[in-house]
Amino acid sequence: MANLLVRDVDEALVKTLKQRAGKHGRSAEAEHRAILAAALGRTRRRSFAQVLASMPDVGTDGDFARVESRRKAPRVFG
């Protein structure tokens, strides 16, 4: 693993970091790692059901009814 040194951090931020670390029962260094991982880590993949559940309600089923056309579809491949 690599080391990361952060210089010239405002004292108020350091104090806040230490308070937050205390609330979570870990060191300031461990809290710093957790914050970086949460901010920069890979996003978790959502299931298909989660994606569907997150979609807004945009109409009724009738708004999306299939309309049959008598026209012949144009040839697009050849």
N, C-alpha and C. Protein backbone atom coordinates (compact mmCIF):
# COMPACT_ATOMS: atom_id res chain seq x y z
N MET A 1 0.84 -1.17 0.00
CA MET A 1 0.00 0.00 0.00
C MET A 1 0.88 1.24 0.00
N ALA A 2 0.37 2.29 -0.58
CA ALA A 2 1.09 3.55 -0.66
C ALA A 2 0.81 4.41 0.56
N ASN A 3 1.72 5.35 0.80
CA ASN A 3 1.54 6.33 1.87
C ASN A 3 1.12 7.64 1.25
N LEU A 4 0.34 8.41 2.01
CA LEU A 4 -0.14 9.69 1.54
C LEU A 4 0.12 10.71 2.65
N LEU A 5 0.80 11.79 2.31
CA LEU A 5 1.08 12.86 3.25
C LEU A 5 0.32 14.09 2.80
N VAL A 6 -0.48 14.65 3.69
CA VAL A 6 -1.26 15.84 3.37
C VAL A 6 -0.71 16.98 4.22
N ARG A 7 -0.27 18.03 3.57
CA ARG A 7 0.32 19.17 4.29
C ARG A 7 -0.62 20.37 4.26
N ASP A 8 -0.37 21.29 5.17
CA ASP A 8 -1.07 22.57 5.23
C ASP A 8 -2.59 22.41 5.33
N VAL A 9 -3.01 21.50 6.18
CA VAL A 9 -4.44 21.29 6.41
C VAL A 9 -4.88 22.25 7.51
N ASP A 10 -5.98 22.93 7.30
CA ASP A 10 -6.50 23.87 8.27
C ASP A 10 -6.77 23.18 9.60
N GLU A 11 -6.41 23.84 10.69
CA GLU A 11 -6.59 23.26 12.03
C GLU A 11 -8.04 22.89 12.32
N ALA A 12 -8.97 23.69 11.84
CA ALA A 12 -10.39 23.39 12.06
C ALA A 12 -10.77 22.07 11.40
N LEU A 13 -10.21 21.79 10.22
CA LEU A 13 -10.50 20.52 9.54
C LEU A 13 -9.91 19.35 10.32
N VAL A 14 -8.71 19.53 10.83
CA VAL A 14 -8.07 18.47 11.61
C VAL A 14 -8.90 18.18 12.86
N LYS A 15 -9.37 19.23 13.52
CA LYS A 15 -10.19 19.06 14.72
C LYS A 15 -11.48 18.31 14.38
N THR A 16 -12.12 18.70 13.27
CA THR A 16 -13.35 18.04 12.84
C THR A 16 -13.09 16.57 12.51
N LEU A 17 -11.97 16.31 11.85
CA LEU A 17 -11.59 14.93 11.51
C LEU A 17 -11.43 14.10 12.77
N LYS A 18 -10.75 14.65 13.76
CA LYS A 18 -10.53 13.91 15.01
C LYS A 18 -11.83 13.67 15.75
N GLN A 19 -12.73 14.65 15.74
CA GLN A 19 -14.04 14.46 16.39
C GLN A 19 -14.85 13.38 15.68
N ARG A 20 -14.82 13.42 14.36
CA ARG A 20 -15.55 12.42 13.58
C ARG A 20 -14.97 11.03 13.82
N ALA A 21 -13.64 10.95 13.89
CA ALA A 21 -12.98 9.67 14.16
C ALA A 21 -13.40 9.13 15.52
N GLY A 22 -13.46 10.02 16.51
CA GLY A 22 -13.88 9.60 17.84
C GLY A 22 -15.29 9.05 17.86
N LYS A 23 -16.17 9.69 17.11
CA LYS A 23 -17.56 9.21 17.03
C LYS A 23 -17.64 7.81 16.44
N HIS A 24 -16.72 7.52 15.51
CA HIS A 24 -16.71 6.21 14.85
C HIS A 24 -15.78 5.21 15.53
N GLY A 25 -15.13 5.63 16.62
CA GLY A 25 -14.28 4.72 17.38
C GLY A 25 -13.02 4.30 16.65
N ARG A 26 -12.43 5.22 15.91
CA ARG A 26 -11.18 4.90 15.21
C ARG A 26 -10.24 6.09 15.23
N SER A 27 -9.03 5.86 14.79
CA SER A 27 -8.03 6.92 14.77
C SER A 27 -8.33 7.93 13.66
N ALA A 28 -7.71 9.09 13.77
CA ALA A 28 -7.88 10.11 12.72
C ALA A 28 -7.37 9.57 11.38
N GLU A 29 -6.30 8.82 11.43
CA GLU A 29 -5.74 8.24 10.20
C GLU A 29 -6.72 7.24 9.57
N ALA A 30 -7.33 6.40 10.40
CA ALA A 30 -8.31 5.43 9.88
C ALA A 30 -9.53 6.16 9.35
N GLU A 31 -9.93 7.24 10.02
CA GLU A 31 -11.07 8.02 9.55
C GLU A 31 -10.76 8.66 8.20
N HIS A 32 -9.55 9.16 8.07
CA HIS A 32 -9.10 9.77 6.81
C HIS A 32 -9.17 8.75 5.68
N ARG A 33 -8.70 7.53 5.95
CA ARG A 33 -8.77 6.47 4.93
C ARG A 33 -10.22 6.16 4.56
N ALA A 34 -11.09 6.10 5.56
CA ALA A 34 -12.51 5.80 5.30
C ALA A 34 -13.16 6.90 4.46
N ILE A 35 -12.83 8.15 4.75
CA ILE A 35 -13.38 9.26 3.98
C ILE A 35 -12.90 9.19 2.53
N LEU A 36 -11.61 8.93 2.34
CA LEU A 36 -11.08 8.82 0.98
C LEU A 36 -11.71 7.65 0.22
N ALA A 37 -11.86 6.53 0.90
CA ALA A 37 -12.46 5.35 0.25
C ALA A 37 -13.91 5.63 -0.15
N ALA A 38 -14.65 6.30 0.73
CA ALA A 38 -16.05 6.60 0.42
C ALA A 38 -16.17 7.60 -0.73
N ALA A 39 -15.26 8.56 -0.75
CA ALA A 39 -15.33 9.60 -1.78
C ALA A 39 -14.81 9.13 -3.13
N LEU A 40 -13.80 8.28 -3.11
CA LEU A 40 -13.13 7.93 -4.37
C LEU A 40 -13.27 6.47 -4.76
N GLY A 41 -13.85 5.67 -3.90
CA GLY A 41 -14.00 4.25 -4.20
C GLY A 41 -14.98 4.01 -5.32
N ARG A 42 -14.97 2.82 -5.81
CA ARG A 42 -15.90 2.46 -6.88
C ARG A 42 -17.33 2.47 -6.36
N THR A 43 -18.22 2.88 -7.21
CA THR A 43 -19.62 2.86 -6.83
C THR A 43 -20.12 1.42 -6.87
N ARG A 44 -21.04 1.12 -5.98
CA ARG A 44 -21.60 -0.22 -5.95
C ARG A 44 -22.60 -0.37 -7.08
N ARG A 45 -22.57 -1.53 -7.70
CA ARG A 45 -23.53 -1.81 -8.77
C ARG A 45 -24.89 -2.07 -8.15
N ARG A 46 -25.90 -1.49 -8.77
CA ARG A 46 -27.26 -1.70 -8.30
C ARG A 46 -27.90 -2.83 -9.09
N SER A 47 -28.80 -3.53 -8.45
CA SER A 47 -29.52 -4.59 -9.15
C SER A 47 -30.52 -3.98 -10.11
N PHE A 48 -30.99 -4.78 -11.04
CA PHE A 48 -31.98 -4.32 -12.00
C PHE A 48 -33.24 -3.86 -11.27
N ALA A 49 -33.63 -4.59 -10.23
CA ALA A 49 -34.82 -4.21 -9.46
C ALA A 49 -34.62 -2.85 -8.79
N GLN A 50 -33.42 -2.57 -8.29
CA GLN A 50 -33.15 -1.27 -7.66
C GLN A 50 -33.22 -0.14 -8.69
N VAL A 51 -32.71 -0.39 -9.88
CA VAL A 51 -32.76 0.62 -10.94
C VAL A 51 -34.22 0.90 -11.31
N LEU A 52 -35.00 -0.15 -11.48
CA LEU A 52 -36.42 0.03 -11.82
C LEU A 52 -37.16 0.78 -10.72
N ALA A 53 -36.88 0.45 -9.48
CA ALA A 53 -37.56 1.09 -8.36
C ALA A 53 -37.20 2.57 -8.25
N SER A 54 -36.03 2.94 -8.74
CA SER A 54 -35.60 4.34 -8.63
C SER A 54 -36.14 5.21 -9.76
N MET A 55 -36.77 4.61 -10.76
CA MET A 55 -37.30 5.39 -11.88
C MET A 55 -38.54 6.16 -11.45
N PRO A 56 -38.66 7.41 -11.87
CA PRO A 56 -39.83 8.20 -11.47
C PRO A 56 -41.09 7.73 -12.20
N ASP A 57 -42.22 8.00 -11.59
CA ASP A 57 -43.51 7.68 -12.19
C ASP A 57 -43.82 8.78 -13.21
N VAL A 58 -43.79 8.45 -14.49
CA VAL A 58 -43.94 9.46 -15.54
C VAL A 58 -45.22 9.34 -16.34
N GLY A 59 -46.11 8.48 -15.97
CA GLY A 59 -47.36 8.34 -16.71
C GLY A 59 -48.08 7.06 -16.36
N THR A 60 -49.14 6.81 -17.09
CA THR A 60 -49.91 5.59 -16.88
C THR A 60 -49.54 4.59 -17.96
N ASP A 61 -49.97 3.36 -17.77
CA ASP A 61 -49.67 2.32 -18.76
C ASP A 61 -50.23 2.69 -20.13
N GLY A 62 -51.37 3.36 -20.15
CA GLY A 62 -51.99 3.75 -21.41
C GLY A 62 -51.13 4.72 -22.20
N ASP A 63 -50.31 5.50 -21.53
CA ASP A 63 -49.43 6.44 -22.22
C ASP A 63 -48.37 5.72 -23.05
N PHE A 64 -48.13 4.47 -22.71
CA PHE A 64 -47.08 3.72 -23.38
C PHE A 64 -47.62 2.55 -24.18
N ALA A 65 -48.88 2.61 -24.52
CA ALA A 65 -49.51 1.52 -25.26
C ALA A 65 -48.90 1.42 -26.66
N ARG A 66 -48.75 0.21 -27.11
CA ARG A 66 -48.18 -0.03 -28.44
C ARG A 66 -49.25 0.26 -29.48
N VAL A 67 -48.88 1.03 -30.48
CA VAL A 67 -49.81 1.38 -31.55
C VAL A 67 -49.35 0.64 -32.80
N GLU A 68 -50.23 -0.21 -33.32
CA GLU A 68 -49.89 -0.98 -34.51
C GLU A 68 -50.07 -0.10 -35.75
N SER A 69 -49.13 -0.19 -36.64
CA SER A 69 -49.20 0.58 -37.87
C SER A 69 -49.42 -0.39 -39.03
N ARG A 70 -50.18 0.03 -40.02
CA ARG A 70 -50.43 -0.79 -41.21
C ARG A 70 -49.32 -0.59 -42.24
N ARG A 71 -48.51 0.43 -42.04
CA ARG A 71 -47.42 0.69 -43.00
C ARG A 71 -46.34 -0.37 -42.89
N LYS A 72 -45.72 -0.63 -44.01
CA LYS A 72 -44.62 -1.57 -44.03
C LYS A 72 -43.36 -0.85 -43.55
N ALA A 73 -42.63 -1.49 -42.69
CA ALA A 73 -41.41 -0.88 -42.15
C ALA A 73 -40.38 -0.74 -43.27
N PRO A 74 -39.63 0.35 -43.28
CA PRO A 74 -38.61 0.54 -44.32
C PRO A 74 -37.47 -0.45 -44.14
N ARG A 75 -36.87 -0.83 -45.26
CA ARG A 75 -35.71 -1.72 -45.20
C ARG A 75 -34.49 -0.90 -44.85
N VAL A 76 -33.81 -1.30 -43.83
CA VAL A 76 -32.63 -0.53 -43.40
C VAL A 76 -31.33 -1.28 -43.64
N PHE A 77 -31.42 -2.59 -43.90
CA PHE A 77 -30.23 -3.38 -44.15
C PHE A 77 -30.30 -4.05 -45.52
N GLY A 78 -30.05 -3.30 -46.53
CA GLY A 78 -29.95 -3.93 -47.83
C GLY A 78 -31.02 -3.66 -48.72
